N, C-alpha and C. Protein backbone atom coordinates (compact mmCIF):
# COMPACT_ATOMS: atom_id res chain seq x y z
N UNK A 1 5.03 6.40 15.94
CA UNK A 1 6.18 5.58 15.66
C UNK A 1 6.67 5.83 14.22
N UNK A 2 7.65 6.57 14.05
CA UNK A 2 8.19 6.78 12.77
C UNK A 2 9.67 7.00 12.76
N UNK A 3 10.28 6.68 13.89
CA UNK A 3 11.73 7.01 13.98
C UNK A 3 12.60 5.97 13.20
N UNK A 4 12.32 4.65 13.33
CA UNK A 4 13.07 3.72 12.55
C UNK A 4 12.52 3.54 11.22
N UNK A 5 13.23 3.82 10.24
CA UNK A 5 12.76 3.69 8.88
C UNK A 5 13.53 2.63 8.07
N UNK A 6 12.79 1.75 7.48
CA UNK A 6 13.37 0.81 6.55
C UNK A 6 13.58 1.55 5.25
N UNK A 7 14.79 1.66 4.78
CA UNK A 7 15.02 2.38 3.54
C UNK A 7 14.43 1.67 2.37
N UNK A 8 14.16 2.50 1.34
CA UNK A 8 13.63 1.99 0.09
C UNK A 8 14.60 1.02 -0.51
N UNK A 9 15.85 1.36 -0.38
CA UNK A 9 16.95 0.56 -0.85
C UNK A 9 16.92 -0.88 -0.31
N UNK A 10 16.70 -0.98 1.02
CA UNK A 10 16.62 -2.32 1.64
C UNK A 10 15.40 -3.03 1.18
N UNK A 11 14.31 -2.32 1.04
CA UNK A 11 13.07 -2.91 0.55
C UNK A 11 13.20 -3.45 -0.84
N UNK A 12 13.79 -2.69 -1.71
CA UNK A 12 14.13 -3.13 -3.07
C UNK A 12 15.08 -4.29 -3.10
N UNK A 13 16.07 -4.24 -2.29
CA UNK A 13 17.04 -5.38 -2.24
C UNK A 13 16.34 -6.68 -1.82
N UNK A 14 15.43 -6.57 -0.91
CA UNK A 14 14.60 -7.78 -0.43
C UNK A 14 13.78 -8.27 -1.62
N UNK A 15 13.13 -7.40 -2.31
CA UNK A 15 12.28 -7.77 -3.43
C UNK A 15 13.12 -8.47 -4.55
N UNK A 16 14.26 -7.87 -4.92
CA UNK A 16 15.06 -8.47 -6.04
C UNK A 16 15.62 -9.78 -5.59
N UNK A 17 15.96 -9.95 -4.29
CA UNK A 17 16.49 -11.21 -3.83
C UNK A 17 15.41 -12.28 -3.75
N UNK A 18 14.11 -11.89 -3.49
CA UNK A 18 13.07 -12.88 -3.52
C UNK A 18 12.84 -13.35 -4.98
N UNK A 19 12.96 -12.42 -5.90
CA UNK A 19 12.87 -12.75 -7.36
C UNK A 19 14.04 -13.70 -7.74
N UNK A 20 15.23 -13.41 -7.32
CA UNK A 20 16.34 -14.30 -7.63
C UNK A 20 16.26 -15.63 -6.91
N UNK A 21 15.64 -15.62 -5.78
CA UNK A 21 15.37 -16.89 -4.96
C UNK A 21 14.50 -17.82 -5.76
N UNK A 22 13.50 -17.26 -6.45
CA UNK A 22 12.57 -18.09 -7.24
C UNK A 22 13.27 -18.70 -8.43
N UNK A 23 14.32 -18.06 -8.90
CA UNK A 23 15.09 -18.50 -10.08
C UNK A 23 16.29 -19.40 -9.64
N UNK A 24 16.48 -19.53 -8.33
CA UNK A 24 17.70 -20.28 -7.82
C UNK A 24 17.70 -21.67 -8.35
N UNK A 25 18.92 -22.07 -8.85
CA UNK A 25 19.10 -23.46 -9.37
C UNK A 25 18.68 -23.66 -10.81
N UNK A 26 18.11 -22.63 -11.41
CA UNK A 26 17.70 -22.72 -12.79
C UNK A 26 18.79 -22.36 -13.73
N UNK A 27 18.79 -22.98 -14.91
CA UNK A 27 19.89 -22.74 -15.89
C UNK A 27 19.89 -21.31 -16.36
N UNK A 28 18.72 -20.78 -16.61
CA UNK A 28 18.65 -19.39 -17.18
C UNK A 28 18.63 -18.39 -16.07
N UNK A 29 19.60 -17.45 -16.16
CA UNK A 29 19.70 -16.40 -15.12
C UNK A 29 18.91 -15.20 -15.55
N UNK A 30 18.13 -14.64 -14.62
CA UNK A 30 17.36 -13.41 -14.90
C UNK A 30 18.31 -12.25 -15.24
N UNK A 31 17.88 -11.47 -16.16
CA UNK A 31 18.65 -10.23 -16.50
C UNK A 31 18.05 -9.07 -15.77
N UNK A 32 18.83 -7.99 -15.75
CA UNK A 32 18.41 -6.81 -14.97
C UNK A 32 17.05 -6.29 -15.42
N UNK A 33 16.78 -6.40 -16.74
CA UNK A 33 15.50 -5.86 -17.27
C UNK A 33 14.32 -6.67 -16.67
N UNK A 34 14.55 -8.01 -16.59
CA UNK A 34 13.51 -8.93 -16.07
C UNK A 34 13.23 -8.56 -14.60
N UNK A 35 14.33 -8.38 -13.80
CA UNK A 35 14.20 -8.09 -12.39
C UNK A 35 13.54 -6.76 -12.16
N UNK A 36 13.95 -5.77 -12.97
CA UNK A 36 13.35 -4.40 -12.80
C UNK A 36 11.90 -4.43 -13.13
N UNK A 37 11.49 -5.05 -14.17
CA UNK A 37 10.06 -5.04 -14.54
C UNK A 37 9.21 -5.91 -13.58
N UNK A 38 9.78 -7.06 -13.18
CA UNK A 38 8.96 -7.91 -12.27
C UNK A 38 8.71 -7.23 -10.94
N UNK A 39 9.69 -6.42 -10.44
CA UNK A 39 9.55 -5.85 -9.13
C UNK A 39 9.29 -4.30 -9.18
N UNK A 40 9.08 -3.78 -10.39
CA UNK A 40 8.73 -2.40 -10.59
C UNK A 40 9.81 -1.49 -9.92
N UNK A 41 11.11 -1.80 -10.13
CA UNK A 41 12.21 -1.01 -9.58
C UNK A 41 12.89 -0.28 -10.72
N UNK A 42 13.15 1.03 -10.63
CA UNK A 42 13.83 1.80 -11.67
C UNK A 42 15.22 1.06 -11.94
N UNK A 43 15.43 0.78 -13.21
CA UNK A 43 16.66 -0.01 -13.62
C UNK A 43 17.95 0.65 -13.12
N UNK A 44 18.06 1.97 -13.29
CA UNK A 44 19.34 2.58 -12.89
C UNK A 44 19.59 2.47 -11.40
N UNK A 45 18.47 2.50 -10.61
CA UNK A 45 18.65 2.31 -9.12
C UNK A 45 18.93 0.80 -8.81
N UNK A 46 18.37 -0.08 -9.58
CA UNK A 46 18.54 -1.41 -9.32
C UNK A 46 20.07 -1.86 -9.66
N UNK A 47 20.63 -1.25 -10.65
CA UNK A 47 22.09 -1.57 -10.95
C UNK A 47 22.90 -1.32 -9.69
N UNK A 48 22.69 -0.19 -9.04
CA UNK A 48 23.43 0.19 -7.86
C UNK A 48 23.20 -0.86 -6.72
N UNK A 49 21.99 -1.24 -6.53
CA UNK A 49 21.69 -2.25 -5.49
C UNK A 49 22.31 -3.63 -5.76
N UNK A 50 22.22 -4.00 -7.07
CA UNK A 50 22.79 -5.30 -7.44
C UNK A 50 24.32 -5.26 -7.24
N UNK A 51 24.89 -4.17 -7.59
CA UNK A 51 26.39 -4.05 -7.37
C UNK A 51 26.79 -4.19 -5.93
N UNK A 52 25.97 -3.54 -5.01
CA UNK A 52 26.27 -3.68 -3.60
C UNK A 52 26.09 -5.08 -3.07
N UNK A 53 25.01 -5.73 -3.56
CA UNK A 53 24.78 -7.14 -3.18
C UNK A 53 25.87 -8.02 -3.70
N UNK A 54 26.38 -7.77 -4.88
CA UNK A 54 27.46 -8.52 -5.48
C UNK A 54 28.77 -8.34 -4.72
N UNK A 55 29.04 -7.07 -4.41
CA UNK A 55 30.25 -6.74 -3.63
C UNK A 55 30.29 -7.40 -2.28
N UNK A 56 29.10 -7.59 -1.72
CA UNK A 56 28.97 -8.15 -0.37
C UNK A 56 28.93 -9.68 -0.46
N UNK A 57 28.97 -10.23 -1.69
CA UNK A 57 28.97 -11.71 -1.85
C UNK A 57 27.63 -12.35 -1.68
N UNK A 58 26.57 -11.58 -1.74
CA UNK A 58 25.17 -12.09 -1.53
C UNK A 58 24.74 -12.70 -2.97
N UNK A 59 25.14 -12.04 -4.04
CA UNK A 59 24.74 -12.54 -5.39
C UNK A 59 26.00 -12.63 -6.23
N UNK A 60 25.84 -13.34 -7.39
CA UNK A 60 26.89 -13.41 -8.33
C UNK A 60 26.29 -12.93 -9.71
N UNK A 61 27.18 -12.43 -10.58
CA UNK A 61 26.63 -12.06 -11.89
C UNK A 61 27.55 -12.67 -12.96
N UNK A 62 26.87 -12.96 -14.09
CA UNK A 62 27.65 -13.45 -15.25
C UNK A 62 27.38 -12.55 -16.44
N UNK A 63 28.49 -12.27 -17.17
CA UNK A 63 28.29 -11.43 -18.34
C UNK A 63 27.91 -12.21 -19.56
N UNK A 64 27.46 -11.57 -20.59
CA UNK A 64 27.29 -12.18 -21.90
C UNK A 64 25.86 -12.69 -22.09
N UNK A 65 25.69 -13.41 -23.20
CA UNK A 65 24.30 -13.79 -23.60
C UNK A 65 23.70 -14.79 -22.59
N UNK A 66 24.52 -15.64 -22.01
CA UNK A 66 24.05 -16.56 -20.99
C UNK A 66 24.07 -15.93 -19.63
N UNK A 67 24.37 -14.63 -19.61
CA UNK A 67 24.54 -13.98 -18.34
C UNK A 67 23.30 -13.59 -17.59
N UNK A 68 23.51 -12.90 -16.43
CA UNK A 68 22.42 -12.52 -15.56
C UNK A 68 22.88 -12.55 -14.13
N UNK A 69 21.91 -12.61 -13.27
CA UNK A 69 22.19 -12.57 -11.81
C UNK A 69 21.67 -13.86 -11.12
N UNK A 70 22.33 -14.25 -10.05
CA UNK A 70 21.92 -15.37 -9.26
C UNK A 70 22.34 -15.16 -7.83
N UNK A 71 21.64 -15.87 -6.93
CA UNK A 71 22.01 -15.84 -5.54
C UNK A 71 23.40 -16.60 -5.37
N UNK A 72 24.22 -16.17 -4.52
CA UNK A 72 25.49 -16.80 -4.31
C UNK A 72 25.36 -18.10 -3.49
N UNK A 73 24.28 -18.18 -2.71
CA UNK A 73 24.01 -19.38 -1.97
C UNK A 73 22.47 -19.52 -1.87
N UNK A 74 22.08 -20.66 -1.28
CA UNK A 74 20.64 -20.94 -1.23
C UNK A 74 19.79 -19.87 -0.51
N UNK A 75 18.52 -19.73 -0.93
CA UNK A 75 17.65 -18.71 -0.34
C UNK A 75 17.53 -18.80 1.20
N UNK A 76 17.68 -20.05 1.67
CA UNK A 76 17.51 -20.20 3.14
C UNK A 76 18.80 -19.86 3.89
N UNK A 77 19.86 -19.57 3.14
CA UNK A 77 21.19 -19.26 3.79
C UNK A 77 21.45 -17.76 3.77
N UNK A 78 20.60 -16.98 3.13
CA UNK A 78 20.85 -15.55 3.04
C UNK A 78 19.82 -14.89 3.99
N UNK A 79 20.35 -14.21 5.02
CA UNK A 79 19.41 -13.62 5.98
C UNK A 79 19.12 -12.16 5.76
N UNK A 80 18.10 -11.66 6.42
CA UNK A 80 17.75 -10.26 6.36
C UNK A 80 18.96 -9.45 6.83
N UNK A 81 19.61 -9.98 7.82
CA UNK A 81 20.84 -9.30 8.37
C UNK A 81 21.86 -9.11 7.27
N UNK A 82 22.11 -10.16 6.49
CA UNK A 82 23.09 -10.05 5.37
C UNK A 82 22.66 -8.97 4.36
N UNK A 83 21.34 -8.92 4.12
CA UNK A 83 20.86 -8.00 3.13
C UNK A 83 21.01 -6.56 3.60
N UNK A 84 20.61 -6.29 4.80
CA UNK A 84 20.69 -4.87 5.37
C UNK A 84 22.15 -4.52 5.41
N UNK A 85 23.01 -5.33 5.89
CA UNK A 85 24.42 -4.98 6.00
C UNK A 85 25.03 -4.79 4.58
N UNK A 86 24.62 -5.54 3.57
CA UNK A 86 25.13 -5.38 2.24
C UNK A 86 24.84 -4.00 1.60
N UNK A 87 23.53 -3.53 1.83
CA UNK A 87 23.19 -2.34 1.20
C UNK A 87 23.27 -1.07 2.10
N UNK A 88 23.29 -1.28 3.38
CA UNK A 88 23.37 -0.11 4.32
C UNK A 88 24.69 -0.05 5.09
N UNK A 89 25.45 -1.09 5.06
CA UNK A 89 26.76 -1.16 5.77
C UNK A 89 26.56 -1.56 7.20
N UNK A 90 25.44 -1.28 7.84
CA UNK A 90 25.25 -1.73 9.26
C UNK A 90 23.75 -1.86 9.45
N UNK A 91 23.40 -2.61 10.48
CA UNK A 91 21.94 -2.90 10.72
C UNK A 91 21.25 -1.64 11.32
N UNK A 92 21.80 -1.07 12.40
CA UNK A 92 21.21 0.08 12.98
C UNK A 92 22.28 1.00 13.50
N UNK A 93 22.48 2.12 12.90
CA UNK A 93 23.46 3.08 13.38
C UNK A 93 22.82 3.90 14.46
N UNK A 94 23.51 3.96 15.60
CA UNK A 94 22.95 4.95 16.64
C UNK A 94 24.12 5.62 17.19
N UNK A 95 24.03 6.94 17.32
CA UNK A 95 25.05 7.68 17.98
C UNK A 95 24.50 8.37 19.21
N UNK A 96 25.11 8.17 20.30
CA UNK A 96 24.64 8.81 21.58
C UNK A 96 25.88 9.54 22.18
N UNK A 97 25.61 10.44 22.99
CA UNK A 97 26.67 11.20 23.68
C UNK A 97 27.38 10.33 24.65
N UNK A 98 28.61 10.55 24.94
CA UNK A 98 29.31 9.84 25.96
C UNK A 98 29.50 10.75 27.18
N UNK A 99 28.91 11.90 27.09
CA UNK A 99 28.99 12.90 28.19
C UNK A 99 27.71 12.89 28.99
N UNK A 100 27.78 13.11 30.27
CA UNK A 100 26.57 13.21 31.06
C UNK A 100 26.31 11.96 31.96
N UNK A 101 25.52 12.22 32.95
CA UNK A 101 25.24 11.14 33.98
C UNK A 101 24.64 9.88 33.36
N UNK A 102 23.70 10.01 32.46
CA UNK A 102 22.99 8.85 31.96
C UNK A 102 23.56 8.24 30.65
N UNK A 103 24.57 8.90 30.15
CA UNK A 103 25.15 8.43 28.84
C UNK A 103 25.44 6.99 28.78
N UNK A 104 26.12 6.46 29.86
CA UNK A 104 26.48 5.08 29.79
C UNK A 104 25.32 4.12 29.79
N UNK A 105 24.28 4.43 30.56
CA UNK A 105 23.06 3.58 30.56
C UNK A 105 22.36 3.66 29.22
N UNK A 106 22.29 4.82 28.64
CA UNK A 106 21.64 5.04 27.36
C UNK A 106 22.33 4.15 26.31
N UNK A 107 23.64 4.21 26.29
CA UNK A 107 24.46 3.43 25.36
C UNK A 107 24.20 1.88 25.53
N UNK A 108 24.14 1.46 26.76
CA UNK A 108 23.95 0.03 27.13
C UNK A 108 22.63 -0.45 26.62
N UNK A 109 21.59 0.35 26.88
CA UNK A 109 20.25 -0.06 26.48
C UNK A 109 20.10 -0.11 24.92
N UNK A 110 20.68 0.84 24.26
CA UNK A 110 20.63 0.85 22.81
C UNK A 110 21.45 -0.28 22.15
N UNK A 111 22.56 -0.60 22.81
CA UNK A 111 23.33 -1.71 22.21
C UNK A 111 22.57 -3.07 22.45
N UNK A 112 21.80 -3.17 23.48
CA UNK A 112 20.90 -4.28 23.78
C UNK A 112 19.87 -4.36 22.60
N UNK A 113 19.27 -3.23 22.27
CA UNK A 113 18.29 -3.15 21.18
C UNK A 113 18.94 -3.65 19.89
N UNK A 114 20.12 -3.20 19.53
CA UNK A 114 20.79 -3.59 18.31
C UNK A 114 21.04 -5.11 18.30
N UNK A 115 21.46 -5.65 19.52
CA UNK A 115 21.68 -7.06 19.56
C UNK A 115 20.42 -7.90 19.31
N UNK A 116 19.32 -7.39 19.87
CA UNK A 116 18.02 -8.12 19.70
C UNK A 116 17.61 -8.02 18.18
N UNK A 117 17.77 -6.82 17.62
CA UNK A 117 17.37 -6.64 16.26
C UNK A 117 18.25 -7.54 15.31
N UNK A 118 19.54 -7.62 15.66
CA UNK A 118 20.45 -8.44 14.84
C UNK A 118 19.97 -9.88 14.95
N UNK A 119 19.62 -10.37 16.10
CA UNK A 119 19.17 -11.77 16.27
C UNK A 119 17.93 -11.99 15.45
N UNK A 120 16.96 -11.06 15.49
CA UNK A 120 15.70 -11.18 14.74
C UNK A 120 15.99 -11.21 13.25
N UNK A 121 16.78 -10.30 12.74
CA UNK A 121 17.01 -10.27 11.26
C UNK A 121 17.84 -11.45 10.81
N UNK A 122 18.60 -12.10 11.72
CA UNK A 122 19.29 -13.32 11.32
C UNK A 122 18.32 -14.50 11.27
N UNK A 123 17.13 -14.38 11.86
CA UNK A 123 16.19 -15.39 11.88
C UNK A 123 15.26 -15.51 10.66
N UNK A 124 15.30 -14.51 9.80
CA UNK A 124 14.53 -14.46 8.58
C UNK A 124 15.45 -14.58 7.34
N UNK A 125 15.01 -15.29 6.34
CA UNK A 125 15.87 -15.46 5.14
C UNK A 125 15.11 -15.05 3.89
N UNK A 126 15.89 -15.14 2.81
CA UNK A 126 15.29 -14.84 1.46
C UNK A 126 14.13 -15.79 1.22
N UNK A 127 14.26 -17.03 1.68
CA UNK A 127 13.17 -17.93 1.58
C UNK A 127 11.89 -17.44 2.10
N UNK A 128 11.90 -16.74 3.27
CA UNK A 128 10.71 -16.13 3.84
C UNK A 128 10.15 -15.00 3.00
N UNK A 129 10.96 -14.42 2.15
CA UNK A 129 10.54 -13.36 1.29
C UNK A 129 9.94 -13.80 -0.01
N UNK A 130 10.08 -15.09 -0.28
CA UNK A 130 9.73 -15.64 -1.64
C UNK A 130 8.28 -16.09 -1.76
N UNK A 131 7.49 -16.12 -0.71
CA UNK A 131 6.14 -16.69 -0.86
C UNK A 131 5.37 -15.99 -1.98
N UNK A 132 4.76 -16.79 -2.80
CA UNK A 132 3.94 -16.24 -3.88
C UNK A 132 2.52 -15.90 -3.45
N UNK A 133 1.86 -15.12 -4.21
CA UNK A 133 0.44 -14.84 -3.97
C UNK A 133 -0.35 -16.15 -3.83
N UNK A 134 -0.07 -17.08 -4.67
CA UNK A 134 -0.78 -18.36 -4.68
C UNK A 134 -0.55 -19.11 -3.29
N UNK A 135 0.67 -19.05 -2.82
CA UNK A 135 0.97 -19.70 -1.50
C UNK A 135 0.21 -18.96 -0.40
N UNK A 136 0.20 -17.66 -0.48
CA UNK A 136 -0.48 -16.87 0.53
C UNK A 136 -1.93 -17.27 0.61
N UNK A 137 -2.51 -17.41 -0.58
CA UNK A 137 -3.97 -17.77 -0.66
C UNK A 137 -4.17 -19.17 0.02
N UNK A 138 -3.23 -20.03 -0.18
CA UNK A 138 -3.30 -21.40 0.35
C UNK A 138 -3.37 -21.38 1.85
N UNK A 139 -2.70 -20.46 2.48
CA UNK A 139 -2.65 -20.45 3.92
C UNK A 139 -3.92 -19.86 4.60
N UNK A 140 -4.68 -19.14 3.78
CA UNK A 140 -5.90 -18.53 4.33
C UNK A 140 -7.00 -19.49 4.77
């Protein structure tokens, strides 16, 4: 099983949003340096991811001394689906031939897979990504 790969970019976007989720509603906004070091993400790569998340309306940014990054809405309102679409443009791209006897069936089955995947990713939110190590220990 190695055909469907979660991109590093999506993984990093999830991590940085979990970090922003923890700061949600606080007066002080995290800066890019804080986010990069907390999540061990190269800063130049993080800039690109944050721009994509901002362009998609998932986060907001403020310039200046009081500036930084924040979630555009509550952690429970931002889904994995939103995140993937923000940084990848689509959830799962698949291209199949439209030629041949089985082409139509193949396309139907794969569009069913995409539909199911979309439903699943809409069921998880940034809040689900935010559990801290302490909370994890609590569940054991």
